[in-house]
Protein backbone atom coordinates (compact mmCIF):
# COMPACT_ATOMS: atom_id res chain seq x y z
CA MET A 1 25.56 -18.14 11.50
CA ASP A 2 23.29 -16.53 14.04
CA PRO A 3 19.82 -18.00 13.46
CA THR A 4 18.24 -14.59 13.90
CA THR A 5 20.20 -13.18 10.97
CA ASP A 6 18.52 -13.33 7.56
CA ASN A 7 20.16 -13.46 4.15
CA ALA A 8 20.25 -9.70 3.86
CA GLY A 9 22.63 -9.57 6.81
CA THR A 10 20.15 -8.13 9.31
CA THR A 11 19.67 -9.21 12.89
CA GLY A 12 16.07 -8.34 13.71
CA ASN A 13 17.25 -5.53 16.02
CA PRO A 14 14.92 -2.46 15.79
CA ALA A 15 17.78 -0.05 15.07
CA ASP A 16 19.15 -2.33 12.35
CA ALA A 17 15.63 -2.80 11.01
CA ARG A 18 15.13 0.95 10.67
CA ALA A 19 18.45 1.29 8.83
CA SER A 20 17.51 -1.57 6.48
CA LEU A 21 14.10 -0.10 5.70
CA GLU A 22 15.67 3.30 5.08
CA ALA A 23 18.09 1.60 2.69
CA LEU A 24 15.10 0.51 0.60
CA ARG A 25 14.84 4.04 -0.79
CA ALA A 26 18.37 4.01 -2.17
CA GLU A 27 17.91 0.58 -3.71
CA ILE A 28 14.56 1.40 -5.31
CA ALA A 29 16.01 4.67 -6.63
CA LYS A 30 18.32 2.54 -8.80
CA ALA A 31 15.22 1.59 -10.80
CA VAL A 32 12.61 4.31 -10.12
CA VAL A 33 13.37 8.03 -10.33
CA GLY A 34 11.77 10.65 -8.11
CA GLN A 35 9.07 8.70 -6.26
CA ASP A 36 10.32 8.93 -2.65
CA PRO A 37 6.86 9.70 -1.15
CA ALA A 38 5.40 6.56 -2.73
CA VAL A 39 8.33 4.44 -1.51
CA THR A 40 7.83 5.79 2.02
CA GLY A 41 4.12 4.99 1.80
CA LEU A 42 4.84 1.39 0.82
CA VAL A 43 7.21 1.00 3.76
CA VAL A 44 4.59 2.46 6.14
CA ALA A 45 2.05 -0.03 4.80
CA LEU A 46 4.44 -2.92 5.43
CA LEU A 47 4.93 -1.76 9.01
CA CYS A 48 1.16 -1.46 9.56
CA ARG A 49 0.24 -4.74 7.84
CA GLY A 50 -1.81 -2.67 5.43
CA HIS A 51 -2.44 -2.56 1.69
CA VAL A 52 -1.68 0.17 -0.83
CA LEU A 53 -3.54 1.57 -3.82
CA LEU A 54 -1.31 3.34 -6.34
CA GLU A 55 -3.08 5.67 -8.75
CA GLY A 56 -1.61 7.40 -11.76
CA VAL A 57 -1.85 7.64 -15.51
CA PRO A 58 -0.28 4.80 -17.54
CA GLY A 59 3.49 4.99 -17.89
CA VAL A 60 4.54 6.59 -14.59
CA ALA A 61 6.28 3.43 -13.26
CA LYS A 62 3.58 2.20 -10.86
CA THR A 63 4.26 -1.45 -11.65
CA LEU A 64 8.02 -0.93 -11.72
CA LEU A 65 7.85 0.68 -8.27
CA VAL A 66 6.18 -2.38 -6.74
CA ARG A 67 8.53 -4.78 -8.56
CA ALA A 68 11.52 -2.80 -7.28
CA LEU A 69 10.13 -2.97 -3.74
CA ALA A 70 9.79 -6.75 -4.04
CA ALA A 71 13.36 -7.00 -5.31
CA THR A 72 14.68 -5.18 -2.22
CA LEU A 73 12.83 -7.48 0.18
CA GLU A 74 13.40 -11.17 0.72
CA LEU A 75 9.73 -11.89 0.22
CA ASP A 76 7.78 -14.02 -2.21
CA THR A 77 5.92 -11.94 -4.77
CA LYS A 78 3.37 -12.60 -7.52
CA ARG A 79 1.68 -10.40 -10.10
CA VAL A 80 -1.86 -10.52 -11.48
CA GLN A 81 -2.85 -8.47 -14.52
CA PHE A 82 -6.49 -7.57 -13.94
CA THR A 83 -8.56 -7.77 -17.13
CA PRO A 84 -12.32 -7.69 -17.85
CA ASP A 85 -12.47 -11.50 -18.22
CA LEU A 86 -10.55 -12.33 -15.01
CA MET A 87 -12.49 -14.61 -12.65
CA PRO A 88 -12.36 -14.63 -8.81
CA SER A 89 -10.93 -18.16 -8.81
CA ASP A 90 -8.05 -16.92 -10.97
CA ILE A 91 -6.94 -14.94 -7.92
CA THR A 92 -7.93 -17.03 -4.90
CA GLY A 93 -7.53 -20.54 -6.32
CA SER A 94 -10.02 -23.35 -6.79
CA LEU A 95 -10.72 -27.03 -6.19
CA VAL A 96 -9.37 -29.27 -8.96
CA TYR A 97 -10.54 -32.84 -9.53
CA ASP A 98 -7.73 -35.39 -9.62
CA THR A 99 -8.74 -38.34 -11.80
CA ARG A 100 -6.02 -40.54 -10.30
CA THR A 101 -7.23 -40.23 -6.73
CA ALA A 102 -10.88 -39.44 -7.55
CA GLU A 103 -10.66 -36.53 -5.08
CA PHE A 104 -10.70 -32.76 -5.21
CA SER A 105 -7.53 -30.92 -4.23
CA PHE A 106 -7.03 -27.22 -3.69
CA GLN A 107 -4.89 -25.39 -6.23
CA ALA A 108 -3.71 -22.15 -4.63
CA GLY A 109 -4.07 -18.94 -6.61
CA PRO A 110 -1.53 -16.12 -6.83
CA VAL A 111 -2.98 -14.47 -3.69
CA PHE A 112 -0.96 -16.99 -1.66
CA THR A 113 2.18 -14.88 -1.54
CA ASN A 114 3.81 -12.16 0.58
CA LEU A 115 3.52 -9.29 -1.88
CA LEU A 116 0.71 -9.41 -4.44
CA LEU A 117 0.89 -6.91 -7.27
CA ALA A 118 -2.68 -6.38 -8.47
CA ASP A 119 -1.97 -4.55 -11.71
CA GLU A 120 -4.70 -2.23 -13.05
CA ILE A 121 -7.20 -3.54 -10.51
CA ASN A 122 -9.97 -1.27 -11.79
CA ARG A 123 -9.95 -2.85 -15.25
CA THR A 124 -11.84 -5.88 -13.94
CA PRO A 125 -15.55 -5.95 -12.92
CA PRO A 126 -16.57 -5.52 -9.24
CA LYS A 127 -17.23 -9.25 -8.76
CA THR A 128 -13.58 -10.05 -9.33
CA GLN A 129 -12.40 -6.98 -7.44
CA SER A 130 -14.37 -8.15 -4.40
CA SER A 131 -12.61 -11.53 -4.43
CA LEU A 132 -9.76 -9.77 -2.64
CA LEU A 133 -11.93 -8.46 0.21
CA GLU A 134 -11.59 -11.49 2.47
CA ALA A 135 -7.89 -11.85 1.70
CA MET A 136 -7.17 -8.21 2.50
CA GLU A 137 -9.24 -8.05 5.69
CA GLU A 138 -9.06 -11.55 7.18
CA ARG A 139 -5.73 -12.64 5.65
CA GLN A 140 -7.34 -15.86 4.51
CA VAL A 141 -9.27 -17.31 1.59
CA THR A 142 -12.34 -19.49 2.02
CA VAL A 143 -12.91 -22.07 -0.72
CA ASP A 144 -15.74 -24.61 -0.44
CA GLY A 145 -16.27 -23.60 3.18
CA THR A 146 -12.66 -24.21 4.20
CA PRO A 147 -10.63 -21.17 5.36
CA ARG A 148 -7.03 -21.20 4.15
CA PRO A 149 -4.62 -18.75 5.84
CA LEU A 150 -2.36 -16.56 3.75
CA PRO A 151 1.38 -16.17 4.39
CA ASP A 152 2.65 -13.51 6.78
CA PRO A 153 3.59 -10.85 5.85
CA PHE A 154 0.89 -10.29 3.22
CA LEU A 155 0.47 -7.04 1.33
CA VAL A 156 -1.63 -6.15 -1.70
CA ALA A 157 -0.12 -3.38 -3.81
CA ALA A 158 -2.78 -2.51 -6.37
CA THR A 159 -2.32 -0.10 -9.24
CA GLN A 160 -5.18 1.68 -10.92
CA ASN A 161 -5.66 4.19 -13.70
CA PRO A 162 -7.76 7.29 -12.99
CA VAL A 163 -11.45 6.38 -13.21
CA GLU A 164 -11.98 8.79 -16.08
CA TYR A 165 -10.00 6.46 -18.34
CA GLU A 166 -11.84 4.17 -20.75
CA GLY A 167 -12.47 0.59 -19.64
CA THR A 168 -12.22 1.19 -15.89
CA TYR A 169 -14.60 0.18 -13.09
CA PRO A 170 -14.64 2.30 -9.91
CA LEU A 171 -13.67 0.32 -6.82
CA PRO A 172 -16.55 -0.16 -4.34
CA GLU A 173 -16.35 1.89 -1.14
CA ALA A 174 -16.07 -1.29 0.96
CA GLN A 175 -12.94 -2.32 -0.90
CA LEU A 176 -11.41 1.16 -0.95
CA ASP A 177 -11.72 1.21 2.84
CA ARG A 178 -9.60 -1.97 3.00
CA PHE A 179 -6.63 -0.10 1.54
CA LEU A 180 -4.53 1.50 4.25
CA LEU A 181 -3.11 4.12 1.87
CA LYS A 182 -3.91 5.59 -1.50
CA LEU A 183 -0.76 6.99 -3.08
CA THR A 184 -0.94 9.18 -6.17
CA ILE A 185 1.92 8.77 -8.62
CA PRO A 186 2.44 12.09 -10.42
CA LEU A 187 4.08 12.72 -13.76
CA PRO A 188 7.82 13.25 -13.27
CA SER A 189 9.43 16.66 -13.21
CA ARG A 190 11.41 17.73 -16.26
CA GLN A 191 14.75 16.79 -14.65
CA ASP A 192 13.43 13.44 -13.42
CA GLU A 193 12.16 12.64 -16.92
CA ILE A 194 15.56 13.54 -18.37
CA ASP A 195 17.16 11.16 -15.83
CA VAL A 196 14.74 8.39 -16.84
CA LEU A 197 15.55 8.76 -20.53
CA THR A 198 19.28 8.96 -19.79
CA ARG A 199 19.14 5.67 -17.89
CA HIS A 200 17.32 3.99 -20.77
CA ALA A 201 19.84 5.36 -23.24
CA GLU A 202 22.59 3.84 -21.10
CA GLY A 203 20.97 0.40 -21.26
CA PHE A 204 18.62 0.25 -18.26
CA ASN A 205 16.14 -2.61 -18.66
CA PRO A 206 13.10 -2.31 -16.33
CA ARG A 207 12.52 -6.06 -16.74
CA ASP A 208 15.95 -6.91 -15.33
CA LEU A 209 16.25 -5.20 -11.95
CA ARG A 210 19.16 -7.38 -10.91
CA ALA A 211 21.23 -5.99 -13.78
CA ALA A 212 20.35 -2.49 -12.53
CA GLY A 213 22.00 -3.38 -9.22
CA VAL A 214 18.82 -3.67 -7.13
CA ARG A 215 19.44 -6.16 -4.33
CA PRO A 216 17.65 -7.35 -1.17
CA VAL A 217 18.42 -5.12 1.82
CA ALA A 218 15.68 -6.19 4.25
CA GLY A 219 13.75 -9.31 5.11
CA PRO A 220 11.10 -10.83 7.38
CA ALA A 221 13.22 -10.40 10.52
CA ASP A 222 13.47 -6.67 9.87
CA LEU A 223 9.71 -6.36 9.43
CA GLU A 224 8.97 -8.26 12.62
CA ALA A 225 11.41 -6.16 14.64
CA ALA A 226 10.13 -2.94 13.10
CA ARG A 227 6.48 -3.82 13.68
CA ALA A 228 7.20 -4.62 17.32
CA ALA A 229 8.93 -1.25 17.72
CA VAL A 230 6.06 0.60 16.03
CA ALA A 231 3.61 -1.07 18.43
CA LYS A 232 5.54 0.45 21.33
CA THR A 233 5.47 3.97 19.90
CA THR A 234 3.70 6.21 22.42
CA VAL A 235 0.49 8.04 21.52
CA SER A 236 -0.69 10.69 23.97
CA PRO A 237 -4.42 11.22 24.68
CA GLU A 238 -4.11 14.62 22.99
CA ILE A 239 -2.86 13.05 19.75
CA THR A 240 -5.62 10.44 19.85
CA ALA A 241 -8.20 13.22 20.25
CA TYR A 242 -6.55 15.15 17.38
CA VAL A 243 -6.94 12.15 15.04
CA VAL A 244 -10.59 11.76 16.07
CA ASP A 245 -11.30 15.47 15.54
CA ILE A 246 -9.84 15.37 12.02
CA CYS A 247 -11.92 12.35 11.05
CA ARG A 248 -15.10 13.75 12.60
CA ALA A 249 -14.55 17.00 10.69
CA THR A 250 -14.67 15.04 7.39
CA ARG A 251 -18.12 13.71 8.37
CA GLU A 252 -19.35 17.24 9.03
CA SER A 253 -17.84 18.81 5.90
CA PRO A 254 -20.45 20.17 3.45
CA SER A 255 -18.19 19.06 0.59
CA PHE A 256 -18.45 15.35 1.45
CA THR A 257 -21.38 12.95 1.22
CA LEU A 258 -19.26 10.32 2.99
CA GLY A 259 -16.73 11.04 5.71
CA VAL A 260 -14.00 8.94 7.29
CA SER A 261 -15.19 5.93 9.29
CA PRO A 262 -13.76 4.81 12.65
CA ARG A 263 -11.72 2.27 10.64
CA GLY A 264 -10.13 5.22 8.86
CA ALA A 265 -9.37 6.94 12.16
CA THR A 266 -7.67 3.77 13.40
CA ALA A 267 -5.69 3.63 10.15
CA LEU A 268 -4.51 7.24 10.55
CA LEU A 269 -3.35 6.53 14.09
CA GLY A 270 -1.43 3.46 12.88
CA THR A 271 0.26 5.17 9.94
CA SER A 272 1.22 8.12 12.15
CA ARG A 273 2.92 5.76 14.61
CA ALA A 274 4.81 4.05 11.79
CA TRP A 275 5.98 7.38 10.39
CA ALA A 276 7.06 8.57 13.83
CA TRP A 277 9.18 5.44 14.29
CA LEU A 278 10.69 5.72 10.81
CA THR A 279 11.78 9.28 11.57
CA GLY A 280 13.55 8.12 14.73
CA ARG A 281 11.05 8.90 17.48
CA ASP A 282 9.22 6.62 19.92
CA TYR A 283 6.28 9.00 20.29
CA VAL A 284 3.81 10.62 17.87
CA ILE A 285 3.58 14.37 17.29
CA PRO A 286 0.91 16.32 15.34
CA ASP A 287 3.21 16.65 12.31
CA ASP A 288 3.19 12.85 11.96
CA VAL A 289 -0.60 12.90 11.73
CA LYS A 290 -0.52 15.72 9.18
CA ALA A 291 2.12 13.94 7.09
CA LEU A 292 -0.02 10.81 6.68
CA ALA A 293 -3.50 12.35 6.63
CA LEU A 294 -3.83 12.70 2.85
CA PRO A 295 -2.70 9.21 1.78
CA THR A 296 -4.61 7.58 4.65
CA LEU A 297 -7.91 9.46 4.25
CA ARG A 298 -8.30 10.62 0.63
CA HIS A 299 -9.90 7.36 -0.57
CA ARG A 300 -12.22 7.04 2.44
CA VAL A 301 -14.27 10.15 1.63
CA GLN A 302 -16.75 10.90 -1.14
CA LEU A 303 -17.21 14.32 -2.69
CA ARG A 304 -20.60 15.83 -3.39
CA PRO A 305 -21.25 16.08 -7.17
CA GLU A 306 -21.67 19.86 -6.95
CA ALA A 307 -18.29 20.15 -5.20
CA GLU A 308 -16.65 18.09 -7.95
CA MET A 309 -18.20 20.33 -10.59
CA GLU A 310 -16.63 23.32 -8.86
CA GLY A 311 -13.18 21.71 -9.09
CA VAL A 312 -12.96 20.78 -5.41
CA THR A 313 -10.84 17.69 -4.64
CA ALA A 314 -10.73 15.38 -1.65
CA ASP A 315 -7.15 16.48 -0.99
CA SER A 316 -8.06 20.17 -0.93
CA VAL A 317 -10.91 19.58 1.54
CA ILE A 318 -8.73 17.46 3.83
CA ASN A 319 -6.00 20.10 3.72
CA ALA A 320 -8.57 22.72 4.72
CA ILE A 321 -9.67 20.52 7.61
CA LEU A 322 -6.06 20.10 8.77
CA ALA A 323 -5.68 23.89 8.72
CA HIS A 324 -8.89 24.33 10.72
CA VAL A 325 -8.75 21.61 13.41
CA PRO A 326 -6.89 22.87 16.50
CA VAL A 327 -3.44 21.32 16.89
CA PRO A 328 -2.60 19.99 20.37
CA ARG A 329 0.30 21.70 22.13
């Protein structure tokens, strides 16, 4: 066998990698109905080495979506159910005393994986939420002064319930900014909900994705080839200026108390490049920026209380900014 070929039958060639990542949608659709935008967002995050926050009311298949993604990739995955009594060491790991050797040894926590599902992350207090900050930003965990690198690739896919729900803790701005994308998971349409119930009536078991026919279609070689191709995607000076103008407009908006930081502008440029490559181009156009603006920026801004009281949303303000900022020709 060719050593560059992984178990999913891919070769690490950029064209093959794009086809494999596109095949993820069909595989995930065997388990999750009608969530193509969220699937695309997860793929973009993988290409950008970013993390994803999934928000939606309970019961809209947020956890199932991430589990299905893990099943289609040949990557190690672990899940942590965030609860009010969860401790930081339950995530990162801790030093354990071995009575036989009279020495301390490090016991790795679930964060040492490729795909970490942080389920209901906003049901745990900020102290435990912040335990992921170093892992998400530096891709390492420091315990007792010793940095311990995490595997590559490493992605945190966190689910959260809307903050209005009982027993939730809002994520700090510093942690929200570490998420590349915030994807909202809506309630399904009537037809999609009928399809969901029909599948369950026919015996679909969300806890057994293999029985549903979900199989690995991409692996680490695909991700490496795809990331290399995304890094070569051309960005013109006009597109760079367009991204900057959009982000600067959020800082000047009277509806926001907090606008998008330069980190957010960098994130929007990166997600736009990934989307351009996924759609088959090696250069970025304004439509790529518009397509990724909402999921990349909506969690990096903060509405004024009076704007919230008037029913204004972050998405509506960003959409207004996109309509107002001149588009390069």
